[in-house]
């Protein structure tokens, strides 16, 4: 069963990022398949070391994934992976 990758409308304003159903045991593996279809998206979401950029929030199964292992935590088949542009400021 594939993982469901979704991007928020705010992110889609800047780049083409349609929802995708891909295989992957981790968010990194799932996103790599999305990047194969849309290479520009990689540079927007990940820095040069392959880490999520500060302005990107990742939710795995509705739970915010934080920390250095956010991209490498296990995914369950059929789980949702939501990617959004994080908001900051006050």
C-alpha atoms as a PDB file:
ATOM      1  CA  UNK A   1       0.000   0.000   0.000  1.00  0.00           C
ATOM      2  CA  UNK A   2       1.498   3.353  -1.002  1.00  0.00           C
ATOM      3  CA  UNK A   3       2.207   6.361   1.180  1.00  0.00           C
ATOM      4  CA  UNK A   4       0.112   9.466   0.423  1.00  0.00           C
ATOM      5  CA  UNK A   5       2.269  12.583  -0.004  1.00  0.00           C
ATOM      6  CA  UNK A   6       0.427  15.901   0.060  1.00  0.00           C
ATOM      7  CA  UNK A   7       1.623  19.475  -0.228  1.00  0.00           C
ATOM      8  CA  UNK A   8      -0.245  22.470   1.168  1.00  0.00           C
ATOM      9  CA  UNK A   9      -1.683  25.139  -1.140  1.00  0.00           C
ATOM     10  CA  UNK A  10       0.825  27.684   0.190  1.00  0.00           C
ATOM     11  CA  UNK A  11       3.707  25.526  -1.036  1.00  0.00           C
ATOM     12  CA  UNK A  12       1.984  24.805  -4.341  1.00  0.00           C
ATOM     13  CA  UNK A  13       1.811  28.562  -5.018  1.00  0.00           C
ATOM     14  CA  UNK A  14       5.567  28.544  -5.588  1.00  0.00           C
ATOM     15  CA  UNK A  15       6.161  25.134  -7.176  1.00  0.00           C
ATOM     16  CA  UNK A  16       4.180  22.460  -8.911  1.00  0.00           C
ATOM     17  CA  UNK A  17       3.598  19.898  -6.173  1.00  0.00           C
ATOM     18  CA  UNK A  18       0.575  17.714  -6.830  1.00  0.00           C
ATOM     19  CA  UNK A  19      -0.360  14.962  -4.365  1.00  0.00           C
ATOM     20  CA  UNK A  20       1.437  11.684  -4.986  1.00  0.00           C
ATOM     21  CA  UNK A  21       1.133   8.058  -3.975  1.00  0.00           C
ATOM     22  CA  UNK A  22       4.573   6.502  -3.678  1.00  0.00           C
ATOM     23  CA  UNK A  23       6.334   3.630  -1.969  1.00  0.00           C
ATOM     24  CA  UNK A  24       8.726   4.333   0.852  1.00  0.00           C
ATOM     25  CA  UNK A  25       9.691   3.039   4.283  1.00  0.00           C
ATOM     26  CA  UNK A  26      10.679   6.550   5.454  1.00  0.00           C
ATOM     27  CA  UNK A  27       9.704  10.120   4.531  1.00  0.00           C
ATOM     28  CA  UNK A  28      13.101  10.486   2.826  1.00  0.00           C
ATOM     29  CA  UNK A  29      12.438   7.472   0.580  1.00  0.00           C
ATOM     30  CA  UNK A  30       8.941   8.684  -0.248  1.00  0.00           C
ATOM     31  CA  UNK A  31      10.125  12.210  -1.033  1.00  0.00           C
ATOM     32  CA  UNK A  32      12.967  10.894  -3.222  1.00  0.00           C
ATOM     33  CA  UNK A  33      10.321   9.392  -5.495  1.00  0.00           C
ATOM     34  CA  UNK A  34       8.502  12.724  -5.621  1.00  0.00           C
ATOM     35  CA  UNK A  35      11.800  14.497  -6.398  1.00  0.00           C
ATOM     36  CA  UNK A  36      12.376  12.103  -9.310  1.00  0.00           C
ATOM     37  CA  UNK A  37       9.224  13.571 -10.873  1.00  0.00           C
ATOM     38  CA  UNK A  38       9.892  17.153  -9.755  1.00  0.00           C
ATOM     39  CA  UNK A  39      13.610  17.881  -9.154  1.00  0.00           C
ATOM     40  CA  UNK A  40      13.032  21.596  -8.382  1.00  0.00           C
ATOM     41  CA  UNK A  41      11.048  20.604  -5.313  1.00  0.00           C
ATOM     42  CA  UNK A  42      14.146  19.016  -3.705  1.00  0.00           C
ATOM     43  CA  UNK A  43      16.046  22.311  -3.431  1.00  0.00           C
ATOM     44  CA  UNK A  44      13.002  24.038  -1.982  1.00  0.00           C
ATOM     45  CA  UNK A  45      12.453  21.417   0.749  1.00  0.00           C
ATOM     46  CA  UNK A  46      15.982  20.197   1.553  1.00  0.00           C
ATOM     47  CA  UNK A  47      19.261  22.019   2.104  1.00  0.00           C
ATOM     48  CA  UNK A  48      22.629  20.991   0.621  1.00  0.00           C
ATOM     49  CA  UNK A  49      23.100  18.364   3.376  1.00  0.00           C
ATOM     50  CA  UNK A  50      19.719  16.753   2.679  1.00  0.00           C
ATOM     51  CA  UNK A  51      18.097  18.175   5.831  1.00  0.00           C
ATOM     52  CA  UNK A  52      14.645  19.779   5.870  1.00  0.00           C
ATOM     53  CA  UNK A  53      14.917  23.529   5.499  1.00  0.00           C
ATOM     54  CA  UNK A  54      13.801  25.737   8.419  1.00  0.00           C
ATOM     55  CA  UNK A  55      10.716  26.912   6.542  1.00  0.00           C
ATOM     56  CA  UNK A  56       9.398  23.383   5.904  1.00  0.00           C
ATOM     57  CA  UNK A  57       7.225  21.384   8.294  1.00  0.00           C
ATOM     58  CA  UNK A  58       6.665  17.659   7.838  1.00  0.00           C
ATOM     59  CA  UNK A  59       3.723  15.753   9.313  1.00  0.00           C
ATOM     60  CA  UNK A  60       3.743  11.953   9.416  1.00  0.00           C
ATOM     61  CA  UNK A  61       0.316  10.481  10.074  1.00  0.00           C
ATOM     62  CA  UNK A  62      -0.847  13.885  11.305  1.00  0.00           C
ATOM     63  CA  UNK A  63       2.017  14.244  13.807  1.00  0.00           C
ATOM     64  CA  UNK A  64       4.702  16.898  13.400  1.00  0.00           C
ATOM     65  CA  UNK A  65       8.047  15.223  12.650  1.00  0.00           C
ATOM     66  CA  UNK A  66      10.851  17.168  14.322  1.00  0.00           C
ATOM     67  CA  UNK A  67      14.553  16.767  14.802  1.00  0.00           C
ATOM     68  CA  UNK A  68      17.419  15.392  12.802  1.00  0.00           C
ATOM     69  CA  UNK A  69      15.630  12.073  12.208  1.00  0.00           C
ATOM     70  CA  UNK A  70      12.392  13.592  10.835  1.00  0.00           C
ATOM     71  CA  UNK A  71      13.120  12.288   7.341  1.00  0.00           C
ATOM     72  CA  UNK A  72      14.259   8.880   8.533  1.00  0.00           C
ATOM     73  CA  UNK A  73      11.463   7.853  10.887  1.00  0.00           C
ATOM     74  CA  UNK A  74       9.460   4.778   9.818  1.00  0.00           C
ATOM     75  CA  UNK A  75       6.382   5.143   7.632  1.00  0.00           C
ATOM     76  CA  UNK A  76       3.520   2.686   7.695  1.00  0.00           C
ATOM     77  CA  UNK A  77       1.841   1.600   4.459  1.00  0.00           C
ATOM     78  CA  UNK A  78      -1.057   3.884   3.604  1.00  0.00           C
ATOM     79  CA  UNK A  79       0.152   6.594   5.973  1.00  0.00           C
ATOM     80  CA  UNK A  80      -0.183  10.278   5.071  1.00  0.00           C
ATOM     81  CA  UNK A  81       2.909  12.438   4.659  1.00  0.00           C
ATOM     82  CA  UNK A  82       2.018  16.135   4.622  1.00  0.00           C
ATOM     83  CA  UNK A  83       4.562  18.772   3.649  1.00  0.00           C
ATOM     84  CA  UNK A  84       3.929  22.437   4.345  1.00  0.00           C
ATOM     85  CA  UNK A  85       5.678  25.732   4.366  1.00  0.00           C
ATOM     86  CA  UNK A  86       6.217  26.627   8.013  1.00  0.00           C
ATOM     87  CA  UNK A  87       5.097  30.050   9.140  1.00  0.00           C
ATOM     88  CA  UNK A  88       7.201  32.184  11.409  1.00  0.00           C
ATOM     89  CA  UNK A  89       7.146  35.636  12.817  1.00  0.00           C
ATOM     90  CA  UNK A  90       5.017  37.374  15.374  1.00  0.00           C
END
